């Protein structure tokens, strides 16, 4: 492939891509929905494959990118006008935690497990389920979290309070199974665990969906019922 021809196609593809993104909107850049994420990948692949395929000339690059950009524009336009189409392409947020309780059916609907939920919460600077009042899984896979009042951020200096040690919550039961290694690391045993469960009116750890221990705040238990 001659350098002059490649240079021309690169410049053409560059400005076409710029124009399409400007027309379609910034949602494709931010990948707000799974659709815009895939659309951005396909658009890049169309340009990349067309540039380095010797059998494809500039006209094909213009046609393929303009057609794809037109389809994106139509989808975005209909999404603004028709609520039903908007729901199909953008999806709806899923309430994974409602009033402080993990919704197991919502987790199943989102094809997630409690481990993945805890991981996403930690990435959002939320290290315990007990801190969360409401949690929504957005269309782009991110979490929107509303913490309980006592866990919402405040500026400690405003209250002139002394600093307190910080502890990380430890999951001791997950999906009805005891994490004995975690309990051993905490320096506790089975007798301690059963006493903690009994204090929460739980007689069998197999009934527990999630249990966390936080030093200074005690145990948090959510059962399957």
C-alpha atoms as a PDB file:
ATOM      1  CA  UNK A   1       0.000   0.000   0.000  1.00  0.00           C
ATOM      2  CA  UNK A   2       1.428   3.364  -1.018  1.00  0.00           C
ATOM      3  CA  UNK A   3       2.079   5.899   1.718  1.00  0.00           C
ATOM      4  CA  UNK A   4       0.179   8.628  -0.089  1.00  0.00           C
ATOM      5  CA  UNK A   5      -2.930   6.478  -0.397  1.00  0.00           C
ATOM      6  CA  UNK A   6      -2.708   5.386   3.262  1.00  0.00           C
ATOM      7  CA  UNK A   7      -2.204   8.995   4.398  1.00  0.00           C
ATOM      8  CA  UNK A   8      -5.285  10.105   2.500  1.00  0.00           C
ATOM      9  CA  UNK A   9      -7.436   7.318   3.988  1.00  0.00           C
ATOM     10  CA  UNK A  10      -6.166   8.005   7.513  1.00  0.00           C
ATOM     11  CA  UNK A  11      -7.015  11.693   7.248  1.00  0.00           C
ATOM     12  CA  UNK A  12     -10.395  10.874   5.747  1.00  0.00           C
ATOM     13  CA  UNK A  13     -11.163   8.297   8.474  1.00  0.00           C
ATOM     14  CA  UNK A  14     -10.004  10.686  11.188  1.00  0.00           C
ATOM     15  CA  UNK A  15     -12.403  13.456  10.193  1.00  0.00           C
ATOM     16  CA  UNK A  16     -15.253  11.046   9.495  1.00  0.00           C
ATOM     17  CA  UNK A  17     -14.863   9.546  12.967  1.00  0.00           C
ATOM     18  CA  UNK A  18     -14.743  13.020  14.498  1.00  0.00           C
ATOM     19  CA  UNK A  19     -17.919  14.094  12.678  1.00  0.00           C
ATOM     20  CA  UNK A  20     -19.828  10.911  13.588  1.00  0.00           C
ATOM     21  CA  UNK A  21     -18.962  11.237  17.277  1.00  0.00           C
ATOM     22  CA  UNK A  22     -19.999  14.898  17.246  1.00  0.00           C
ATOM     23  CA  UNK A  23     -23.330  14.047  15.591  1.00  0.00           C
ATOM     24  CA  UNK A  24     -24.176  10.945  17.629  1.00  0.00           C
ATOM     25  CA  UNK A  25     -23.154  12.535  20.911  1.00  0.00           C
ATOM     26  CA  UNK A  26     -20.806  12.060  23.840  1.00  0.00           C
ATOM     27  CA  UNK A  27     -22.646   9.000  25.122  1.00  0.00           C
ATOM     28  CA  UNK A  28     -20.607   6.840  22.761  1.00  0.00           C
ATOM     29  CA  UNK A  29     -17.373   8.158  24.275  1.00  0.00           C
ATOM     30  CA  UNK A  30     -18.539   7.660  27.862  1.00  0.00           C
ATOM     31  CA  UNK A  31     -20.019   4.245  27.001  1.00  0.00           C
ATOM     32  CA  UNK A  32     -23.168   5.004  28.979  1.00  0.00           C
ATOM     33  CA  UNK A  33     -24.926   1.856  27.786  1.00  0.00           C
ATOM     34  CA  UNK A  34     -23.794  -1.576  26.522  1.00  0.00           C
ATOM     35  CA  UNK A  35     -25.094  -0.570  23.083  1.00  0.00           C
ATOM     36  CA  UNK A  36     -22.899   2.538  22.854  1.00  0.00           C
ATOM     37  CA  UNK A  37     -19.933   0.497  24.082  1.00  0.00           C
ATOM     38  CA  UNK A  38     -20.360  -2.079  21.312  1.00  0.00           C
ATOM     39  CA  UNK A  39     -21.173   0.613  18.746  1.00  0.00           C
ATOM     40  CA  UNK A  40     -17.905   2.402  19.487  1.00  0.00           C
ATOM     41  CA  UNK A  41     -15.899  -0.811  19.120  1.00  0.00           C
ATOM     42  CA  UNK A  42     -17.572  -1.686  15.808  1.00  0.00           C
ATOM     43  CA  UNK A  43     -17.036   1.823  14.467  1.00  0.00           C
ATOM     44  CA  UNK A  44     -13.335   1.613  15.267  1.00  0.00           C
ATOM     45  CA  UNK A  45     -13.096  -1.853  13.690  1.00  0.00           C
ATOM     46  CA  UNK A  46     -14.820  -0.647  10.534  1.00  0.00           C
ATOM     47  CA  UNK A  47     -12.279   2.136  10.152  1.00  0.00           C
ATOM     48  CA  UNK A  48      -9.273   0.005  11.086  1.00  0.00           C
ATOM     49  CA  UNK A  49     -10.115  -2.886   8.770  1.00  0.00           C
ATOM     50  CA  UNK A  50     -10.959  -0.576   5.885  1.00  0.00           C
ATOM     51  CA  UNK A  51      -7.684   1.326   6.171  1.00  0.00           C
ATOM     52  CA  UNK A  52      -5.436  -1.695   5.885  1.00  0.00           C
ATOM     53  CA  UNK A  53      -7.399  -3.760   3.382  1.00  0.00           C
ATOM     54  CA  UNK A  54      -5.887  -3.195  -0.053  1.00  0.00           C
ATOM     55  CA  UNK A  55      -9.107  -4.206  -1.777  1.00  0.00           C
ATOM     56  CA  UNK A  56     -11.090  -1.415  -0.117  1.00  0.00           C
ATOM     57  CA  UNK A  57     -10.831   2.130  -1.402  1.00  0.00           C
ATOM     58  CA  UNK A  58     -11.778   5.443   0.188  1.00  0.00           C
ATOM     59  CA  UNK A  59     -15.335   5.246  -1.120  1.00  0.00           C
ATOM     60  CA  UNK A  60     -15.987   2.093   0.889  1.00  0.00           C
ATOM     61  CA  UNK A  61     -14.598   3.758   4.031  1.00  0.00           C
ATOM     62  CA  UNK A  62     -16.933   6.717   3.585  1.00  0.00           C
ATOM     63  CA  UNK A  63     -19.918   4.478   2.860  1.00  0.00           C
ATOM     64  CA  UNK A  64     -19.409   2.025   5.749  1.00  0.00           C
ATOM     65  CA  UNK A  65     -18.737   4.699   8.355  1.00  0.00           C
ATOM     66  CA  UNK A  66     -21.559   6.960   7.191  1.00  0.00           C
ATOM     67  CA  UNK A  67     -24.017   4.044   7.170  1.00  0.00           C
ATOM     68  CA  UNK A  68     -22.971   2.965  10.665  1.00  0.00           C
ATOM     69  CA  UNK A  69     -23.103   6.556  11.891  1.00  0.00           C
ATOM     70  CA  UNK A  70     -26.551   6.992  10.361  1.00  0.00           C
ATOM     71  CA  UNK A  71     -27.820   3.850  12.122  1.00  0.00           C
ATOM     72  CA  UNK A  72     -26.407   5.125  15.427  1.00  0.00           C
ATOM     73  CA  UNK A  73     -28.078   8.479  14.902  1.00  0.00           C
ATOM     74  CA  UNK A  74     -31.442   6.820  14.150  1.00  0.00           C
ATOM     75  CA  UNK A  75     -31.221   4.681  17.283  1.00  0.00           C
ATOM     76  CA  UNK A  76     -30.312   7.696  19.436  1.00  0.00           C
ATOM     77  CA  UNK A  77     -33.081   9.788  17.863  1.00  0.00           C
ATOM     78  CA  UNK A  78     -35.727   7.101  18.399  1.00  0.00           C
ATOM     79  CA  UNK A  79     -34.440   6.582  21.935  1.00  0.00           C
ATOM     80  CA  UNK A  80     -35.156  10.234  22.659  1.00  0.00           C
ATOM     81  CA  UNK A  81     -38.661  10.059  21.188  1.00  0.00           C
ATOM     82  CA  UNK A  82     -39.917   6.547  21.995  1.00  0.00           C
ATOM     83  CA  UNK A  83     -39.755   5.311  25.585  1.00  0.00           C
ATOM     84  CA  UNK A  84     -40.077   1.647  24.566  1.00  0.00           C
ATOM     85  CA  UNK A  85     -37.043   1.802  22.263  1.00  0.00           C
ATOM     86  CA  UNK A  86     -35.093   3.694  24.904  1.00  0.00           C
ATOM     87  CA  UNK A  87     -35.735   0.873  27.348  1.00  0.00           C
ATOM     88  CA  UNK A  88     -34.522  -1.737  24.850  1.00  0.00           C
ATOM     89  CA  UNK A  89     -31.229  -0.057  23.967  1.00  0.00           C
ATOM     90  CA  UNK A  90     -30.386   1.682  27.241  1.00  0.00           C
ATOM     91  CA  UNK A  91     -31.914  -0.734  29.714  1.00  0.00           C
ATOM     92  CA  UNK A  92     -33.165   0.077  33.184  1.00  0.00           C
ATOM     93  CA  UNK A  93     -31.197   0.304  36.437  1.00  0.00           C
ATOM     94  CA  UNK A  94     -31.544  -2.737  38.691  1.00  0.00           C
ATOM     95  CA  UNK A  95     -31.968  -2.219  42.451  1.00  0.00           C
ATOM     96  CA  UNK A  96     -29.462  -4.665  43.961  1.00  0.00           C
ATOM     97  CA  UNK A  97     -29.876  -3.321  47.504  1.00  0.00           C
ATOM     98  CA  UNK A  98     -33.199  -1.943  48.671  1.00  0.00           C
ATOM     99  CA  UNK A  99     -33.608  -0.373  52.118  1.00  0.00           C
ATOM    100  CA  UNK A 100     -30.367  -1.982  53.264  1.00  0.00           C
ATOM    101  CA  UNK A 101     -31.328  -5.492  52.115  1.00  0.00           C
ATOM    102  CA  UNK A 102     -29.572  -7.293  49.258  1.00  0.00           C
ATOM    103  CA  UNK A 103     -32.156  -8.363  46.695  1.00  0.00           C
ATOM    104  CA  UNK A 104     -31.137 -11.895  45.729  1.00  0.00           C
ATOM    105  CA  UNK A 105     -33.600 -12.023  42.833  1.00  0.00           C
ATOM    106  CA  UNK A 106     -32.163  -8.782  41.452  1.00  0.00           C
ATOM    107  CA  UNK A 107     -28.656 -10.237  41.709  1.00  0.00           C
ATOM    108  CA  UNK A 108     -29.827 -13.272  39.788  1.00  0.00           C
ATOM    109  CA  UNK A 109     -31.467 -11.074  37.162  1.00  0.00           C
ATOM    110  CA  UNK A 110     -28.219  -9.131  36.760  1.00  0.00           C
ATOM    111  CA  UNK A 111     -26.287 -12.436  36.566  1.00  0.00           C
ATOM    112  CA  UNK A 112     -24.163 -11.422  39.541  1.00  0.00           C
ATOM    113  CA  UNK A 113     -23.211 -13.082  42.794  1.00  0.00           C
ATOM    114  CA  UNK A 114     -22.536 -11.600  46.207  1.00  0.00           C
ATOM    115  CA  UNK A 115     -18.751 -11.689  45.634  1.00  0.00           C
ATOM    116  CA  UNK A 116     -19.045  -9.530  42.534  1.00  0.00           C
ATOM    117  CA  UNK A 117     -21.361  -7.118  44.321  1.00  0.00           C
ATOM    118  CA  UNK A 118     -18.933  -6.735  47.201  1.00  0.00           C
ATOM    119  CA  UNK A 119     -16.070  -6.171  44.753  1.00  0.00           C
ATOM    120  CA  UNK A 120     -17.976  -3.399  42.941  1.00  0.00           C
ATOM    121  CA  UNK A 121     -18.907  -1.813  46.265  1.00  0.00           C
ATOM    122  CA  UNK A 122     -15.261  -1.748  47.353  1.00  0.00           C
ATOM    123  CA  UNK A 123     -14.325  -0.102  44.059  1.00  0.00           C
ATOM    124  CA  UNK A 124     -16.867   2.588  44.990  1.00  0.00           C
ATOM    125  CA  UNK A 125     -15.197   3.110  48.388  1.00  0.00           C
ATOM    126  CA  UNK A 126     -17.911   1.172  50.191  1.00  0.00           C
ATOM    127  CA  UNK A 127     -16.396  -1.667  52.168  1.00  0.00           C
ATOM    128  CA  UNK A 128     -19.501  -3.094  53.798  1.00  0.00           C
ATOM    129  CA  UNK A 129     -23.031  -3.888  52.696  1.00  0.00           C
ATOM    130  CA  UNK A 130     -24.275  -2.520  56.007  1.00  0.00           C
ATOM    131  CA  UNK A 131     -23.339   0.991  54.887  1.00  0.00           C
ATOM    132  CA  UNK A 132     -25.706   0.916  51.902  1.00  0.00           C
ATOM    133  CA  UNK A 133     -29.334   1.980  51.907  1.00  0.00           C
ATOM    134  CA  UNK A 134     -29.891   1.708  48.145  1.00  0.00           C
ATOM    135  CA  UNK A 135     -27.661   0.414  45.373  1.00  0.00           C
ATOM    136  CA  UNK A 136     -28.488   0.419  41.659  1.00  0.00           C
ATOM    137  CA  UNK A 137     -26.677  -1.345  38.829  1.00  0.00           C
ATOM    138  CA  UNK A 138     -26.695   1.116  35.949  1.00  0.00           C
ATOM    139  CA  UNK A 139     -26.851   0.292  32.257  1.00  0.00           C
ATOM    140  CA  UNK A 140     -23.083   0.683  31.805  1.00  0.00           C
ATOM    141  CA  UNK A 141     -22.295  -1.709  34.665  1.00  0.00           C
ATOM    142  CA  UNK A 142     -21.409   0.912  37.263  1.00  0.00           C
ATOM    143  CA  UNK A 143     -23.005   1.193  40.696  1.00  0.00           C
ATOM    144  CA  UNK A 144     -24.979   4.127  42.064  1.00  0.00           C
ATOM    145  CA  UNK A 145     -24.906   4.019  45.853  1.00  0.00           C
ATOM    146  CA  UNK A 146     -26.904   5.881  48.478  1.00  0.00           C
ATOM    147  CA  UNK A 147     -25.428   5.229  51.898  1.00  0.00           C
ATOM    148  CA  UNK A 148     -27.316   5.128  55.156  1.00  0.00           C
ATOM    149  CA  UNK A 149     -27.311   8.434  57.002  1.00  0.00           C
ATOM    150  CA  UNK A 150     -24.754   7.484  59.633  1.00  0.00           C
ATOM    151  CA  UNK A 151     -22.312   6.311  56.961  1.00  0.00           C
ATOM    152  CA  UNK A 152     -22.546   9.378  54.758  1.00  0.00           C
ATOM    153  CA  UNK A 153     -19.371  11.417  54.547  1.00  0.00           C
ATOM    154  CA  UNK A 154     -18.824  14.269  56.945  1.00  0.00           C
ATOM    155  CA  UNK A 155     -15.796  16.406  57.611  1.00  0.00           C
ATOM    156  CA  UNK A 156     -14.363  15.280  60.932  1.00  0.00           C
ATOM    157  CA  UNK A 157     -12.672  18.587  61.555  1.00  0.00           C
ATOM    158  CA  UNK A 158     -16.053  20.319  61.588  1.00  0.00           C
ATOM    159  CA  UNK A 159     -16.971  18.441  64.767  1.00  0.00           C
ATOM    160  CA  UNK A 160     -13.544  18.711  66.372  1.00  0.00           C
ATOM    161  CA  UNK A 161     -13.542  14.959  67.045  1.00  0.00           C
ATOM    162  CA  UNK A 162     -10.457  12.826  67.768  1.00  0.00           C
ATOM    163  CA  UNK A 163      -9.392  10.372  65.095  1.00  0.00           C
ATOM    164  CA  UNK A 164     -10.570   6.775  65.465  1.00  0.00           C
ATOM    165  CA  UNK A 165      -8.895   3.619  64.170  1.00  0.00           C
ATOM    166  CA  UNK A 166     -10.255   2.281  60.880  1.00  0.00           C
ATOM    167  CA  UNK A 167     -11.183  -1.373  60.419  1.00  0.00           C
ATOM    168  CA  UNK A 168     -12.045  -3.302  57.273  1.00  0.00           C
ATOM    169  CA  UNK A 169     -15.270  -5.394  57.365  1.00  0.00           C
ATOM    170  CA  UNK A 170     -14.628  -9.127  57.074  1.00  0.00           C
ATOM    171  CA  UNK A 171     -17.115 -11.480  55.436  1.00  0.00           C
ATOM    172  CA  UNK A 172     -17.522 -14.561  57.664  1.00  0.00           C
ATOM    173  CA  UNK A 173     -20.503 -16.246  55.953  1.00  0.00           C
ATOM    174  CA  UNK A 174     -21.383 -16.086  52.281  1.00  0.00           C
ATOM    175  CA  UNK A 175     -24.185 -18.008  50.559  1.00  0.00           C
ATOM    176  CA  UNK A 176     -24.744 -20.189  53.626  1.00  0.00           C
ATOM    177  CA  UNK A 177     -21.090 -21.241  53.855  1.00  0.00           C
ATOM    178  CA  UNK A 178     -18.791 -20.277  56.706  1.00  0.00           C
ATOM    179  CA  UNK A 179     -15.431 -18.797  55.727  1.00  0.00           C
ATOM    180  CA  UNK A 180     -13.432 -20.513  58.454  1.00  0.00           C
ATOM    181  CA  UNK A 181     -10.104 -19.054  57.312  1.00  0.00           C
ATOM    182  CA  UNK A 182     -11.453 -15.534  57.837  1.00  0.00           C
ATOM    183  CA  UNK A 183     -12.789 -16.434  61.290  1.00  0.00           C
ATOM    184  CA  UNK A 184      -9.446 -17.981  62.219  1.00  0.00           C
ATOM    185  CA  UNK A 185      -7.600 -14.853  61.054  1.00  0.00           C
ATOM    186  CA  UNK A 186      -9.871 -12.796  63.299  1.00  0.00           C
ATOM    187  CA  UNK A 187      -8.864 -15.006  66.247  1.00  0.00           C
ATOM    188  CA  UNK A 188     -12.367 -16.426  66.760  1.00  0.00           C
ATOM    189  CA  UNK A 189     -13.863 -19.918  66.591  1.00  0.00           C
ATOM    190  CA  UNK A 190     -17.124 -21.732  65.884  1.00  0.00           C
ATOM    191  CA  UNK A 191     -18.464 -21.104  69.375  1.00  0.00           C
ATOM    192  CA  UNK A 192     -17.999 -17.358  68.901  1.00  0.00           C
ATOM    193  CA  UNK A 193     -19.733 -17.501  65.538  1.00  0.00           C
ATOM    194  CA  UNK A 194     -22.760 -19.348  66.886  1.00  0.00           C
ATOM    195  CA  UNK A 195     -23.052 -16.876  69.772  1.00  0.00           C
ATOM    196  CA  UNK A 196     -23.022 -14.007  67.286  1.00  0.00           C
ATOM    197  CA  UNK A 197     -25.692 -15.677  65.162  1.00  0.00           C
ATOM    198  CA  UNK A 198     -27.863 -16.421  68.180  1.00  0.00           C
ATOM    199  CA  UNK A 199     -27.674 -12.753  69.131  1.00  0.00           C
ATOM    200  CA  UNK A 200     -29.275 -12.046  65.742  1.00  0.00           C
ATOM    201  CA  UNK A 201     -31.938 -14.752  66.281  1.00  0.00           C
ATOM    202  CA  UNK A 202     -30.288 -17.087  63.758  1.00  0.00           C
ATOM    203  CA  UNK A 203     -29.837 -20.706  64.780  1.00  0.00           C
ATOM    204  CA  UNK A 204     -28.099 -22.168  61.720  1.00  0.00           C
ATOM    205  CA  UNK A 205     -25.420 -20.512  59.579  1.00  0.00           C
ATOM    206  CA  UNK A 206     -26.879 -22.264  56.508  1.00  0.00           C
ATOM    207  CA  UNK A 207     -29.784 -19.814  56.756  1.00  0.00           C
ATOM    208  CA  UNK A 208     -27.405 -16.860  56.343  1.00  0.00           C
ATOM    209  CA  UNK A 209     -27.024 -15.235  52.950  1.00  0.00           C
ATOM    210  CA  UNK A 210     -24.331 -12.813  54.112  1.00  0.00           C
ATOM    211  CA  UNK A 211     -22.627 -12.098  57.424  1.00  0.00           C
ATOM    212  CA  UNK A 212     -19.929  -9.499  58.040  1.00  0.00           C
ATOM    213  CA  UNK A 213     -17.893  -8.671  61.104  1.00  0.00           C
ATOM    214  CA  UNK A 214     -16.677  -5.143  61.739  1.00  0.00           C
ATOM    215  CA  UNK A 215     -14.557  -4.363  64.764  1.00  0.00           C
ATOM    216  CA  UNK A 216     -16.326  -1.810  66.916  1.00  0.00           C
ATOM    217  CA  UNK A 217     -19.675  -2.295  65.180  1.00  0.00           C
ATOM    218  CA  UNK A 218     -20.289  -6.016  65.602  1.00  0.00           C
ATOM    219  CA  UNK A 219     -21.811  -8.467  63.188  1.00  0.00           C
ATOM    220  CA  UNK A 220     -24.166  -7.762  60.292  1.00  0.00           C
ATOM    221  CA  UNK A 221     -26.407 -10.643  59.211  1.00  0.00           C
ATOM    222  CA  UNK A 222     -28.800 -11.037  56.313  1.00  0.00           C
ATOM    223  CA  UNK A 223     -30.662 -14.325  56.052  1.00  0.00           C
ATOM    224  CA  UNK A 224     -32.261 -15.957  53.036  1.00  0.00           C
ATOM    225  CA  UNK A 225     -35.717 -15.396  54.511  1.00  0.00           C
END
